[in-house]
Amino acid sequence: MNLEDLFSVVPLTEAITKLPVPPGLVGSMNLFVESGIRTTTIALELRNGKITLVPNRRREPLVAPAG
């Protein structure tokens, strides 16, 4: 792996997920409900000033044009 690849999104994300998560005030307040996902990746977007998870949807098959 070259130096450029070390700082791309996937290696940096993998490095972050390996860090231990220390308990904190927000976690102890039970403000959030933890739920799993079916994929190994997610997408986030900024919508109306809030960070939201982009829903995972199955691609619909292409419909042939009529005619």
PDB file of N, CA and C in Angstrom:
ATOM      1  N   MET A   1       0.855  -1.170   0.000  1.00  0.00           N
ATOM      2  CA  MET A   1       0.000   0.000   0.000  1.00  0.00           C
ATOM      3  C   MET A   1       0.897   1.227   0.000  1.00  0.00           C
ATOM      4  N   ASN A   2       0.608   2.172  -0.895  1.00  0.00           N
ATOM      5  CA  ASN A   2       1.437   3.371  -0.939  1.00  0.00           C
ATOM      6  C   ASN A   2       0.932   4.420   0.055  1.00  0.00           C
ATOM      7  N   LEU A   3       1.706   5.465   0.228  1.00  0.00           N
ATOM      8  CA  LEU A   3       1.405   6.492   1.223  1.00  0.00           C
ATOM      9  C   LEU A   3       0.065   7.171   0.971  1.00  0.00           C
ATOM     10  N   GLU A   4      -0.282   7.367  -0.292  1.00  0.00           N
ATOM     11  CA  GLU A   4      -1.563   7.996  -0.640  1.00  0.00           C
ATOM     12  C   GLU A   4      -2.746   7.162  -0.152  1.00  0.00           C
ATOM     13  N   ASP A   5      -2.641   5.843  -0.312  1.00  0.00           N
ATOM     14  CA  ASP A   5      -3.720   4.937   0.089  1.00  0.00           C
ATOM     15  C   ASP A   5      -3.920   4.901   1.600  1.00  0.00           C
ATOM     16  N   LEU A   6      -2.859   5.157   2.359  1.00  0.00           N
ATOM     17  CA  LEU A   6      -2.965   5.110   3.818  1.00  0.00           C
ATOM     18  C   LEU A   6      -3.930   6.159   4.356  1.00  0.00           C
ATOM     19  N   PHE A   7      -4.108   7.248   3.632  1.00  0.00           N
ATOM     20  CA  PHE A   7      -4.947   8.342   4.099  1.00  0.00           C
ATOM     21  C   PHE A   7      -6.238   8.479   3.306  1.00  0.00           C
ATOM     22  N   SER A   8      -6.674   7.400   2.661  1.00  0.00           N
ATOM     23  CA  SER A   8      -7.960   7.437   1.968  1.00  0.00           C
ATOM     24  C   SER A   8      -9.057   7.095   2.974  1.00  0.00           C
ATOM     25  N   VAL A   9     -10.299   7.188   2.560  1.00  0.00           N
ATOM     26  CA  VAL A   9     -11.439   7.043   3.468  1.00  0.00           C
ATOM     27  C   VAL A   9     -11.481   5.683   4.153  1.00  0.00           C
ATOM     28  N   VAL A  10     -11.311   4.598   3.418  1.00  0.00           N
ATOM     29  CA  VAL A  10     -11.460   3.263   3.999  1.00  0.00           C
ATOM     30  C   VAL A  10     -10.396   2.981   5.073  1.00  0.00           C
ATOM     31  N   PRO A  11      -9.098   3.182   4.804  1.00  0.00           N
ATOM     32  CA  PRO A  11      -8.117   2.918   5.864  1.00  0.00           C
ATOM     33  C   PRO A  11      -8.318   3.815   7.093  1.00  0.00           C
ATOM     34  N   LEU A  12      -8.686   5.063   6.893  1.00  0.00           N
ATOM     35  CA  LEU A  12      -8.909   5.943   8.040  1.00  0.00           C
ATOM     36  C   LEU A  12     -10.122   5.496   8.847  1.00  0.00           C
ATOM     37  N   THR A  13     -11.181   5.070   8.162  1.00  0.00           N
ATOM     38  CA  THR A  13     -12.368   4.574   8.862  1.00  0.00           C
ATOM     39  C   THR A  13     -12.034   3.317   9.646  1.00  0.00           C
ATOM     40  N   GLU A  14     -11.278   2.409   9.043  1.00  0.00           N
ATOM     41  CA  GLU A  14     -10.880   1.185   9.733  1.00  0.00           C
ATOM     42  C   GLU A  14     -10.049   1.505  10.974  1.00  0.00           C
ATOM     43  N   ALA A  15      -9.189   2.503  10.881  1.00  0.00           N
ATOM     44  CA  ALA A  15      -8.373   2.890  12.032  1.00  0.00           C
ATOM     45  C   ALA A  15      -9.241   3.440  13.154  1.00  0.00           C
ATOM     46  N   ILE A  16     -10.257   4.214  12.812  1.00  0.00           N
ATOM     47  CA  ILE A  16     -11.139   4.789  13.825  1.00  0.00           C
ATOM     48  C   ILE A  16     -11.949   3.705  14.513  1.00  0.00           C
ATOM     49  N   THR A  17     -12.451   2.741  13.754  1.00  0.00           N
ATOM     50  CA  THR A  17     -13.292   1.698  14.354  1.00  0.00           C
ATOM     51  C   THR A  17     -12.498   0.768  15.272  1.00  0.00           C
ATOM     52  N   LYS A  18     -11.182   0.754  15.157  1.00  0.00           N
ATOM     53  CA  LYS A  18     -10.353  -0.087  16.023  1.00  0.00           C
ATOM     54  C   LYS A  18     -10.092   0.577  17.380  1.00  0.00           C
ATOM     55  N   LEU A  19     -10.364   1.872  17.495  1.00  0.00           N
ATOM     56  CA  LEU A  19     -10.128   2.572  18.753  1.00  0.00           C
ATOM     57  C   LEU A  19     -11.160   2.158  19.793  1.00  0.00           C
ATOM     58  N   PRO A  20     -10.747   2.010  21.043  1.00  0.00           N
ATOM     59  CA  PRO A  20     -11.723   1.695  22.084  1.00  0.00           C
ATOM     60  C   PRO A  20     -12.625   2.908  22.334  1.00  0.00           C
ATOM     61  N   VAL A  21     -13.862   2.643  22.662  1.00  0.00           N
ATOM     62  CA  VAL A  21     -14.812   3.718  22.921  1.00  0.00           C
ATOM     63  C   VAL A  21     -14.908   3.922  24.431  1.00  0.00           C
ATOM     64  N   PRO A  22     -14.382   5.045  24.925  1.00  0.00           N
ATOM     65  CA  PRO A  22     -14.461   5.270  26.367  1.00  0.00           C
ATOM     66  C   PRO A  22     -15.884   5.664  26.765  1.00  0.00           C
ATOM     67  N   PRO A  23     -16.325   5.228  27.943  1.00  0.00           N
ATOM     68  CA  PRO A  23     -17.656   5.645  28.386  1.00  0.00           C
ATOM     69  C   PRO A  23     -17.667   7.158  28.584  1.00  0.00           C
ATOM     70  N   GLY A  24     -18.789   7.763  28.287  1.00  0.00           N
ATOM     71  CA  GLY A  24     -18.883   9.203  28.428  1.00  0.00           C
ATOM     72  C   GLY A  24     -20.246   9.631  28.909  1.00  0.00           C
ATOM     73  N   LEU A  25     -20.382  10.915  29.113  1.00  0.00           N
ATOM     74  CA  LEU A  25     -21.616  11.479  29.636  1.00  0.00           C
ATOM     75  C   LEU A  25     -22.793  11.204  28.708  1.00  0.00           C
ATOM     76  N   VAL A  26     -22.619  11.463  27.417  1.00  0.00           N
ATOM     77  CA  VAL A  26     -23.727  11.268  26.475  1.00  0.00           C
ATOM     78  C   VAL A  26     -24.151   9.808  26.438  1.00  0.00           C
ATOM     79  N   GLY A  27     -23.194   8.887  26.426  1.00  0.00           N
ATOM     80  CA  GLY A  27     -23.522   7.467  26.414  1.00  0.00           C
ATOM     81  C   GLY A  27     -24.247   7.028  27.673  1.00  0.00           C
ATOM     82  N   SER A  28     -23.886   7.612  28.798  1.00  0.00           N
ATOM     83  CA  SER A  28     -24.520   7.219  30.054  1.00  0.00           C
ATOM     84  C   SER A  28     -25.931   7.793  30.212  1.00  0.00           C
ATOM     85  N   MET A  29     -26.290   8.773  29.381  1.00  0.00           N
ATOM     86  CA  MET A  29     -27.616   9.391  29.482  1.00  0.00           C
ATOM     87  C   MET A  29     -28.692   8.621  28.719  1.00  0.00           C
ATOM     88  N   ASN A  30     -28.294   7.586  27.969  1.00  0.00           N
ATOM     89  CA  ASN A  30     -29.235   6.770  27.186  1.00  0.00           C
ATOM     90  C   ASN A  30     -30.123   7.613  26.282  1.00  0.00           C
ATOM     91  N   LEU A  31     -29.523   8.539  25.566  1.00  0.00           N
ATOM     92  CA  LEU A  31     -30.265   9.404  24.648  1.00  0.00           C
ATOM     93  C   LEU A  31     -30.515   8.731  23.308  1.00  0.00           C
ATOM     94  N   PHE A  32     -29.691   7.765  22.965  1.00  0.00           N
ATOM     95  CA  PHE A  32     -29.762   7.150  21.648  1.00  0.00           C
ATOM     96  C   PHE A  32     -30.044   5.660  21.766  1.00  0.00           C
ATOM     97  N   VAL A  33     -30.765   5.141  20.794  1.00  0.00           N
ATOM     98  CA  VAL A  33     -31.047   3.711  20.732  1.00  0.00           C
ATOM     99  C   VAL A  33     -30.080   3.100  19.719  1.00  0.00           C
ATOM    100  N   GLU A  34     -29.361   2.084  20.145  1.00  0.00           N
ATOM    101  CA  GLU A  34     -28.415   1.426  19.253  1.00  0.00           C
ATOM    102  C   GLU A  34     -29.152   0.400  18.401  1.00  0.00           C
ATOM    103  N   SER A  35     -28.877   0.407  17.106  1.00  0.00           N
ATOM    104  CA  SER A  35     -29.469  -0.586  16.214  1.00  0.00           C
ATOM    105  C   SER A  35     -28.441  -0.972  15.159  1.00  0.00           C
ATOM    106  N   GLY A  36     -28.510  -2.200  14.703  1.00  0.00           N
ATOM    107  CA  GLY A  36     -27.557  -2.697  13.727  1.00  0.00           C
ATOM    108  C   GLY A  36     -27.951  -2.340  12.305  1.00  0.00           C
ATOM    109  N   ILE A  37     -27.034  -2.573  11.393  1.00  0.00           N
ATOM    110  CA  ILE A  37     -27.301  -2.376   9.971  1.00  0.00           C
ATOM    111  C   ILE A  37     -26.951  -3.662   9.242  1.00  0.00           C
ATOM    112  N   ARG A  38     -27.485  -3.829   8.044  1.00  0.00           N
ATOM    113  CA  ARG A  38     -27.258  -5.064   7.274  1.00  0.00           C
ATOM    114  C   ARG A  38     -26.033  -5.005   6.387  1.00  0.00           C
ATOM    115  N   THR A  39     -25.437  -3.842   6.249  1.00  0.00           N
ATOM    116  CA  THR A  39     -24.298  -3.689   5.350  1.00  0.00           C
ATOM    117  C   THR A  39     -23.041  -3.371   6.147  1.00  0.00           C
ATOM    118  N   THR A  40     -21.902  -3.372   5.457  1.00  0.00           N
ATOM    119  CA  THR A  40     -20.646  -3.042   6.116  1.00  0.00           C
ATOM    120  C   THR A  40     -20.304  -1.564   5.959  1.00  0.00           C
ATOM    121  N   THR A  41     -21.103  -0.843   5.175  1.00  0.00           N
ATOM    122  CA  THR A  41     -20.868   0.584   4.981  1.00  0.00           C
ATOM    123  C   THR A  41     -22.180   1.342   5.119  1.00  0.00           C
ATOM    124  N   ILE A  42     -22.068   2.629   5.398  1.00  0.00           N
ATOM    125  CA  ILE A  42     -23.244   3.489   5.468  1.00  0.00           C
ATOM    126  C   ILE A  42     -22.956   4.781   4.717  1.00  0.00           C
ATOM    127  N   ALA A  43     -23.982   5.545   4.471  1.00  0.00           N
ATOM    128  CA  ALA A  43     -23.823   6.869   3.874  1.00  0.00           C
ATOM    129  C   ALA A  43     -24.585   7.861   4.742  1.00  0.00           C
ATOM    130  N   LEU A  44     -23.974   9.008   4.978  1.00  0.00           N
ATOM    131  CA  LEU A  44     -24.598  10.063   5.759  1.00  0.00           C
ATOM    132  C   LEU A  44     -24.791  11.278   4.873  1.00  0.00           C
ATOM    133  N   GLU A  45     -25.807  12.082   5.199  1.00  0.00           N
ATOM    134  CA  GLU A  45     -26.009  13.322   4.473  1.00  0.00           C
ATOM    135  C   GLU A  45     -26.430  14.404   5.451  1.00  0.00           C
ATOM    136  N   LEU A  46     -26.183  15.640   5.070  1.00  0.00           N
ATOM    137  CA  LEU A  46     -26.594  16.776   5.867  1.00  0.00           C
ATOM    138  C   LEU A  46     -27.904  17.282   5.280  1.00  0.00           C
ATOM    139  N   ARG A  47     -28.971  17.185   6.065  1.00  0.00           N
ATOM    140  CA  ARG A  47     -30.302  17.580   5.593  1.00  0.00           C
ATOM    141  C   ARG A  47     -30.931  18.495   6.641  1.00  0.00           C
ATOM    142  N   ASN A  48     -31.251  19.713   6.235  1.00  0.00           N
ATOM    143  CA  ASN A  48     -31.849  20.703   7.133  1.00  0.00           C
ATOM    144  C   ASN A  48     -31.024  20.911   8.397  1.00  0.00           C
ATOM    145  N   GLY A  49     -29.711  20.938   8.235  1.00  0.00           N
ATOM    146  CA  GLY A  49     -28.833  21.182   9.363  1.00  0.00           C
ATOM    147  C   GLY A  49     -28.617  19.999  10.278  1.00  0.00           C
ATOM    148  N   LYS A  50     -29.105  18.817   9.918  1.00  0.00           N
ATOM    149  CA  LYS A  50     -28.943  17.614  10.738  1.00  0.00           C
ATOM    150  C   LYS A  50     -28.248  16.529   9.929  1.00  0.00           C
ATOM    151  N   ILE A  51     -27.382  15.780  10.592  1.00  0.00           N
ATOM    152  CA  ILE A  51     -26.728  14.649   9.943  1.00  0.00           C
ATOM    153  C   ILE A  51     -27.681  13.467  10.029  1.00  0.00           C
ATOM    154  N   THR A  52     -28.003  12.885   8.874  1.00  0.00           N
ATOM    155  CA  THR A  52     -28.931  11.757   8.844  1.00  0.00           C
ATOM    156  C   THR A  52     -28.322  10.584   8.079  1.00  0.00           C
ATOM    157  N   LEU A  53     -28.783   9.408   8.419  1.00  0.00           N
ATOM    158  CA  LEU A  53     -28.361   8.188   7.748  1.00  0.00           C
ATOM    159  C   LEU A  53     -29.176   8.023   6.478  1.00  0.00           C
ATOM    160  N   VAL A  54     -28.499   7.794   5.366  1.00  0.00           N
ATOM    161  CA  VAL A  54     -29.200   7.566   4.104  1.00  0.00           C
ATOM    162  C   VAL A  54     -29.760   6.154   4.146  1.00  0.00           C
ATOM    163  N   PRO A  55     -31.086   5.996   3.955  1.00  0.00           N
ATOM    164  CA  PRO A  55     -31.683   4.658   4.037  1.00  0.00           C
ATOM    165  C   PRO A  55     -31.095   3.711   2.999  1.00  0.00           C
ATOM    166  N   ASN A  56     -30.913   2.465   3.398  1.00  0.00           N
ATOM    167  CA  ASN A  56     -30.418   1.437   2.498  1.00  0.00           C
ATOM    168  C   ASN A  56     -31.612   0.857   1.759  1.00  0.00           C
ATOM    169  N   ARG A  57     -31.667   1.065   0.462  1.00  0.00           N
ATOM    170  CA  ARG A  57     -32.787   0.561  -0.337  1.00  0.00           C
ATOM    171  C   ARG A  57     -32.267  -0.342  -1.429  1.00  0.00           C
ATOM    172  N   ARG A  58     -33.078  -1.334  -1.746  1.00  0.00           N
ATOM    173  CA  ARG A  58     -32.748  -2.221  -2.857  1.00  0.00           C
ATOM    174  C   ARG A  58     -32.998  -1.488  -4.157  1.00  0.00           C
ATOM    175  N   ARG A  59     -32.134  -1.685  -5.106  1.00  0.00           N
ATOM    176  CA  ARG A  59     -32.328  -1.069  -6.416  1.00  0.00           C
ATOM    177  C   ARG A  59     -33.478  -1.752  -7.124  1.00  0.00           C
ATOM    178  N   GLU A  60     -34.324  -0.952  -7.695  1.00  0.00           N
ATOM    179  CA  GLU A  60     -35.442  -1.492  -8.481  1.00  0.00           C
ATOM    180  C   GLU A  60     -34.930  -1.884  -9.852  1.00  0.00           C
ATOM    181  N   PRO A  61     -35.478  -2.945 -10.430  1.00  0.00           N
ATOM    182  CA  PRO A  61     -35.038  -3.323 -11.781  1.00  0.00           C
ATOM    183  C   PRO A  61     -35.435  -2.244 -12.789  1.00  0.00           C
ATOM    184  N   LEU A  62     -34.605  -2.063 -13.784  1.00  0.00           N
ATOM    185  CA  LEU A  62     -34.925  -1.097 -14.833  1.00  0.00           C
ATOM    186  C   LEU A  62     -36.125  -1.561 -15.633  1.00  0.00           C
ATOM    187  N   VAL A  63     -37.003  -0.647 -15.904  1.00  0.00           N
ATOM    188  CA  VAL A  63     -38.199  -0.966 -16.689  1.00  0.00           C
ATOM    189  C   VAL A  63     -37.926  -0.551 -18.133  1.00  0.00           C
ATOM    190  N   ALA A  64     -38.174  -1.468 -19.041  1.00  0.00           N
ATOM    191  CA  ALA A  64     -37.976  -1.166 -20.461  1.00  0.00           C
ATOM    192  C   ALA A  64     -38.996  -0.143 -20.922  1.00  0.00           C
ATOM    193  N   PRO A  65     -38.572   0.847 -21.710  1.00  0.00           N
ATOM    194  CA  PRO A  65     -39.529   1.845 -22.208  1.00  0.00           C
ATOM    195  C   PRO A  65     -40.597   1.201 -23.090  1.00  0.00           C
ATOM    196  N   ALA A  66     -41.811   1.701 -22.964  1.00  0.00           N
ATOM    197  CA  ALA A  66     -42.924   1.175 -23.767  1.00  0.00           C
ATOM    198  C   ALA A  66     -42.742   1.608 -25.209  1.00  0.00           C
ATOM    199  N   GLY A  67     -43.128   0.741 -26.111  1.00  0.00           N
ATOM    200  CA  GLY A  67     -43.113   1.156 -27.516  1.00  0.00           C
ATOM    201  C   GLY A  67     -42.430   0.234 -28.370  1.00  0.00           C
TER     202      GLY A  67
END
